[in-house]
Amino acid sequence: MSTTTIRIEDDLKARVAAAAERAGTTAHAFMLDAIAQTVEQVEFDAEFQRVAGERWAKVLSTGKTVPWDDAKAYLEARVRGERPRKPLPRMHRR
């Protein structure tokens, strides 16, 4: 395990210490958790953008999309425990 030094303003350091105490942990553990959560969020966002880009490229190449009303009705039926047919894609109007 390596060591990294960070410089933070005194007021932020005090806020971290207070928040860590409220959370029942050390300031060190609190900061590690905050860093880990931020890294996970950035990785999640990057994967989301990658998948969205692939799906948008597919829409552009095929021209096919599922209208929102059809997709929403399908998802609502699934939530109710029903087994509806998947909505059919249609040609996107530009």
N, C-alpha and C. Protein backbone atom coordinates (compact mmCIF):
# COMPACT_ATOMS: atom_id res chain seq x y z
N MET A 1 0.86 -1.17 0.00
CA MET A 1 0.00 0.00 0.00
C MET A 1 0.90 1.23 0.00
N SER A 2 0.56 2.20 -0.81
CA SER A 2 1.38 3.40 -0.88
C SER A 2 0.77 4.52 -0.04
N THR A 3 1.55 5.55 0.17
CA THR A 3 1.11 6.71 0.94
C THR A 3 0.99 7.89 0.00
N THR A 4 -0.09 8.66 0.16
CA THR A 4 -0.29 9.88 -0.60
C THR A 4 -0.59 11.00 0.38
N THR A 5 0.02 12.13 0.16
CA THR A 5 -0.22 13.29 1.01
C THR A 5 -1.10 14.27 0.26
N ILE A 6 -2.11 14.78 0.96
CA ILE A 6 -2.96 15.81 0.35
C ILE A 6 -2.95 17.03 1.25
N ARG A 7 -3.13 18.17 0.64
CA ARG A 7 -3.23 19.42 1.40
C ARG A 7 -4.67 19.89 1.29
N ILE A 8 -5.28 20.11 2.45
CA ILE A 8 -6.66 20.62 2.45
C ILE A 8 -6.74 21.81 3.39
N GLU A 9 -7.65 22.68 3.10
CA GLU A 9 -7.86 23.86 3.94
C GLU A 9 -8.28 23.42 5.34
N ASP A 10 -7.93 24.24 6.31
CA ASP A 10 -8.22 23.91 7.71
C ASP A 10 -9.72 23.73 7.96
N ASP A 11 -10.54 24.58 7.33
CA ASP A 11 -11.98 24.46 7.56
C ASP A 11 -12.53 23.16 6.99
N LEU A 12 -12.02 22.72 5.83
CA LEU A 12 -12.46 21.44 5.27
C LEU A 12 -11.99 20.29 6.15
N LYS A 13 -10.78 20.38 6.64
CA LYS A 13 -10.26 19.33 7.53
C LYS A 13 -11.13 19.20 8.77
N ALA A 14 -11.56 20.33 9.32
CA ALA A 14 -12.43 20.30 10.50
C ALA A 14 -13.79 19.70 10.16
N ARG A 15 -14.30 20.04 8.99
CA ARG A 15 -15.59 19.48 8.57
C ARG A 15 -15.49 17.96 8.37
N VAL A 16 -14.37 17.52 7.78
CA VAL A 16 -14.16 16.08 7.59
C VAL A 16 -14.11 15.39 8.94
N ALA A 17 -13.37 15.96 9.87
CA ALA A 17 -13.25 15.35 11.20
C ALA A 17 -14.62 15.26 11.88
N ALA A 18 -15.41 16.32 11.77
CA ALA A 18 -16.73 16.31 12.39
C ALA A 18 -17.66 15.29 11.70
N ALA A 19 -17.62 15.25 10.40
CA ALA A 19 -18.46 14.30 9.67
C ALA A 19 -18.05 12.87 9.98
N ALA A 20 -16.75 12.63 10.05
CA ALA A 20 -16.25 11.28 10.37
C ALA A 20 -16.71 10.86 11.76
N GLU A 21 -16.65 11.79 12.69
CA GLU A 21 -17.09 11.48 14.06
C GLU A 21 -18.57 11.13 14.07
N ARG A 22 -19.38 11.92 13.35
CA ARG A 22 -20.82 11.62 13.28
C ARG A 22 -21.06 10.26 12.64
N ALA A 23 -20.21 9.89 11.68
CA ALA A 23 -20.36 8.61 10.98
C ALA A 23 -19.76 7.46 11.79
N GLY A 24 -19.09 7.79 12.89
CA GLY A 24 -18.52 6.75 13.73
C GLY A 24 -17.25 6.12 13.17
N THR A 25 -16.47 6.91 12.47
CA THR A 25 -15.25 6.40 11.86
C THR A 25 -14.13 7.43 12.01
N THR A 26 -12.97 7.10 11.55
CA THR A 26 -11.85 8.03 11.59
C THR A 26 -11.89 8.94 10.37
N ALA A 27 -11.19 10.08 10.49
CA ALA A 27 -11.11 10.99 9.35
C ALA A 27 -10.43 10.29 8.18
N HIS A 28 -9.42 9.48 8.46
CA HIS A 28 -8.71 8.75 7.42
C HIS A 28 -9.66 7.81 6.67
N ALA A 29 -10.39 7.00 7.42
CA ALA A 29 -11.33 6.05 6.79
C ALA A 29 -12.43 6.80 6.04
N PHE A 30 -12.86 7.92 6.60
CA PHE A 30 -13.90 8.73 5.95
C PHE A 30 -13.43 9.23 4.60
N MET A 31 -12.19 9.76 4.56
CA MET A 31 -11.64 10.26 3.30
C MET A 31 -11.41 9.14 2.30
N LEU A 32 -10.93 7.99 2.75
CA LEU A 32 -10.75 6.86 1.83
C LEU A 32 -12.08 6.45 1.22
N ASP A 33 -13.11 6.40 2.05
CA ASP A 33 -14.44 6.03 1.56
C ASP A 33 -14.94 7.06 0.55
N ALA A 34 -14.73 8.34 0.83
CA ALA A 34 -15.16 9.39 -0.09
C ALA A 34 -14.44 9.28 -1.43
N ILE A 35 -13.14 9.01 -1.37
CA ILE A 35 -12.37 8.85 -2.62
C ILE A 35 -12.87 7.63 -3.39
N ALA A 36 -13.08 6.52 -2.69
CA ALA A 36 -13.55 5.30 -3.36
C ALA A 36 -14.92 5.53 -4.00
N GLN A 37 -15.82 6.20 -3.30
CA GLN A 37 -17.15 6.47 -3.85
C GLN A 37 -17.06 7.36 -5.09
N THR A 38 -16.18 8.35 -5.06
CA THR A 38 -16.02 9.25 -6.20
C THR A 38 -15.46 8.50 -7.40
N VAL A 39 -14.46 7.66 -7.16
CA VAL A 39 -13.87 6.87 -8.25
C VAL A 39 -14.93 5.94 -8.85
N GLU A 40 -15.70 5.27 -8.00
CA GLU A 40 -16.75 4.37 -8.49
C GLU A 40 -17.77 5.14 -9.32
N GLN A 41 -18.14 6.34 -8.89
CA GLN A 41 -19.12 7.13 -9.63
C GLN A 41 -18.57 7.54 -10.99
N VAL A 42 -17.32 7.96 -11.03
CA VAL A 42 -16.70 8.35 -12.31
C VAL A 42 -16.63 7.14 -13.25
N GLU A 43 -16.27 5.97 -12.72
CA GLU A 43 -16.22 4.76 -13.54
C GLU A 43 -17.60 4.38 -14.04
N PHE A 44 -18.61 4.49 -13.17
CA PHE A 44 -19.98 4.19 -13.55
C PHE A 44 -20.44 5.15 -14.66
N ASP A 45 -20.16 6.44 -14.48
CA ASP A 45 -20.55 7.44 -15.49
C ASP A 45 -19.88 7.16 -16.83
N ALA A 46 -18.60 6.78 -16.79
CA ALA A 46 -17.88 6.49 -18.03
C ALA A 46 -18.49 5.29 -18.74
N GLU A 47 -18.84 4.25 -17.99
CA GLU A 47 -19.47 3.06 -18.59
C GLU A 47 -20.84 3.42 -19.16
N PHE A 48 -21.60 4.23 -18.42
CA PHE A 48 -22.91 4.67 -18.89
C PHE A 48 -22.76 5.42 -20.22
N GLN A 49 -21.80 6.33 -20.30
CA GLN A 49 -21.57 7.09 -21.52
C GLN A 49 -21.14 6.18 -22.67
N ARG A 50 -20.32 5.18 -22.36
CA ARG A 50 -19.88 4.24 -23.40
C ARG A 50 -21.07 3.48 -23.97
N VAL A 51 -21.92 2.95 -23.09
CA VAL A 51 -23.09 2.19 -23.55
C VAL A 51 -24.05 3.10 -24.31
N ALA A 52 -24.27 4.31 -23.79
CA ALA A 52 -25.16 5.25 -24.47
C ALA A 52 -24.63 5.59 -25.86
N GLY A 53 -23.32 5.77 -25.96
CA GLY A 53 -22.72 6.06 -27.27
C GLY A 53 -22.91 4.93 -28.25
N GLU A 54 -22.72 3.70 -27.77
CA GLU A 54 -22.93 2.54 -28.64
C GLU A 54 -24.38 2.46 -29.10
N ARG A 55 -25.31 2.69 -28.17
CA ARG A 55 -26.72 2.60 -28.52
C ARG A 55 -27.13 3.71 -29.48
N TRP A 56 -26.59 4.92 -29.26
CA TRP A 56 -26.91 6.03 -30.17
C TRP A 56 -26.35 5.75 -31.56
N ALA A 57 -25.14 5.19 -31.62
CA ALA A 57 -24.55 4.84 -32.91
C ALA A 57 -25.43 3.83 -33.63
N LYS A 58 -26.00 2.89 -32.88
CA LYS A 58 -26.88 1.89 -33.49
C LYS A 58 -28.15 2.55 -34.03
N VAL A 59 -28.70 3.49 -33.26
CA VAL A 59 -29.88 4.23 -33.73
C VAL A 59 -29.56 4.97 -35.02
N LEU A 60 -28.41 5.62 -35.04
CA LEU A 60 -28.03 6.37 -36.24
C LEU A 60 -27.79 5.46 -37.44
N SER A 61 -27.21 4.27 -37.20
CA SER A 61 -26.91 3.39 -38.32
C SER A 61 -28.14 2.65 -38.84
N THR A 62 -29.06 2.28 -37.94
CA THR A 62 -30.24 1.54 -38.37
C THR A 62 -31.45 2.43 -38.60
N GLY A 63 -31.48 3.56 -37.90
CA GLY A 63 -32.63 4.45 -37.99
C GLY A 63 -33.82 3.98 -37.18
N LYS A 64 -33.64 2.89 -36.42
CA LYS A 64 -34.76 2.32 -35.67
C LYS A 64 -34.71 2.74 -34.21
N THR A 65 -35.89 3.10 -33.69
CA THR A 65 -36.04 3.44 -32.29
C THR A 65 -37.37 2.90 -31.78
N VAL A 66 -37.50 2.87 -30.45
CA VAL A 66 -38.77 2.50 -29.84
C VAL A 66 -39.37 3.77 -29.27
N PRO A 67 -40.57 4.13 -29.68
CA PRO A 67 -41.19 5.34 -29.14
C PRO A 67 -41.31 5.28 -27.61
N TRP A 68 -41.10 6.42 -26.96
CA TRP A 68 -41.11 6.46 -25.50
C TRP A 68 -42.41 5.93 -24.92
N ASP A 69 -43.54 6.29 -25.48
CA ASP A 69 -44.82 5.82 -24.94
C ASP A 69 -44.90 4.29 -24.96
N ASP A 70 -44.39 3.67 -26.02
CA ASP A 70 -44.39 2.21 -26.10
C ASP A 70 -43.44 1.60 -25.07
N ALA A 71 -42.25 2.19 -24.95
CA ALA A 71 -41.27 1.68 -23.99
C ALA A 71 -41.78 1.84 -22.57
N LYS A 72 -42.38 2.99 -22.28
CA LYS A 72 -42.91 3.25 -20.94
C LYS A 72 -44.03 2.27 -20.59
N ALA A 73 -44.95 2.04 -21.51
CA ALA A 73 -46.04 1.10 -21.26
C ALA A 73 -45.49 -0.30 -21.02
N TYR A 74 -44.47 -0.70 -21.78
CA TYR A 74 -43.84 -2.00 -21.60
C TYR A 74 -43.22 -2.11 -20.21
N LEU A 75 -42.46 -1.10 -19.81
CA LEU A 75 -41.81 -1.13 -18.50
C LEU A 75 -42.81 -1.12 -17.35
N GLU A 76 -43.87 -0.34 -17.49
CA GLU A 76 -44.90 -0.30 -16.45
C GLU A 76 -45.58 -1.65 -16.30
N ALA A 77 -45.83 -2.32 -17.42
CA ALA A 77 -46.44 -3.65 -17.37
C ALA A 77 -45.50 -4.65 -16.68
N ARG A 78 -44.21 -4.55 -16.98
CA ARG A 78 -43.23 -5.45 -16.33
C ARG A 78 -43.20 -5.23 -14.83
N VAL A 79 -43.29 -3.96 -14.41
CA VAL A 79 -43.29 -3.64 -12.98
C VAL A 79 -44.52 -4.25 -12.30
N ARG A 80 -45.62 -4.28 -13.01
CA ARG A 80 -46.84 -4.88 -12.45
C ARG A 80 -46.79 -6.40 -12.45
N GLY A 81 -45.71 -6.97 -12.95
CA GLY A 81 -45.56 -8.42 -12.98
C GLY A 81 -46.11 -9.08 -14.23
N GLU A 82 -46.52 -8.30 -15.18
CA GLU A 82 -47.04 -8.84 -16.43
C GLU A 82 -45.88 -9.22 -17.35
N ARG A 83 -46.18 -9.97 -18.40
CA ARG A 83 -45.16 -10.37 -19.38
C ARG A 83 -45.58 -9.87 -20.76
N PRO A 84 -45.51 -8.57 -20.95
CA PRO A 84 -45.94 -7.99 -22.24
C PRO A 84 -44.93 -8.30 -23.35
N ARG A 85 -45.39 -8.17 -24.58
CA ARG A 85 -44.48 -8.29 -25.72
C ARG A 85 -43.59 -7.06 -25.75
N LYS A 86 -42.34 -7.27 -26.16
CA LYS A 86 -41.44 -6.13 -26.30
C LYS A 86 -41.95 -5.23 -27.41
N PRO A 87 -41.88 -3.91 -27.22
CA PRO A 87 -42.32 -3.00 -28.29
C PRO A 87 -41.42 -3.12 -29.51
N LEU A 88 -42.01 -2.99 -30.66
CA LEU A 88 -41.25 -3.11 -31.90
C LEU A 88 -40.60 -1.77 -32.26
N PRO A 89 -39.36 -1.83 -32.72
CA PRO A 89 -38.71 -0.59 -33.15
C PRO A 89 -39.31 -0.08 -34.45
N ARG A 90 -39.25 1.22 -34.60
CA ARG A 90 -39.77 1.86 -35.81
C ARG A 90 -38.68 2.76 -36.36
N MET A 91 -38.84 3.13 -37.59
CA MET A 91 -37.89 4.03 -38.22
C MET A 91 -37.99 5.41 -37.57
N HIS A 92 -36.85 5.95 -37.17
CA HIS A 92 -36.78 7.26 -36.52
C HIS A 92 -37.00 8.35 -37.57
N ARG A 93 -37.82 9.32 -37.22
CA ARG A 93 -38.04 10.46 -38.10
C ARG A 93 -37.04 11.54 -37.74
N ARG A 94 -36.37 12.04 -38.74
CA ARG A 94 -35.36 13.10 -38.49
C ARG A 94 -35.91 14.45 -38.79
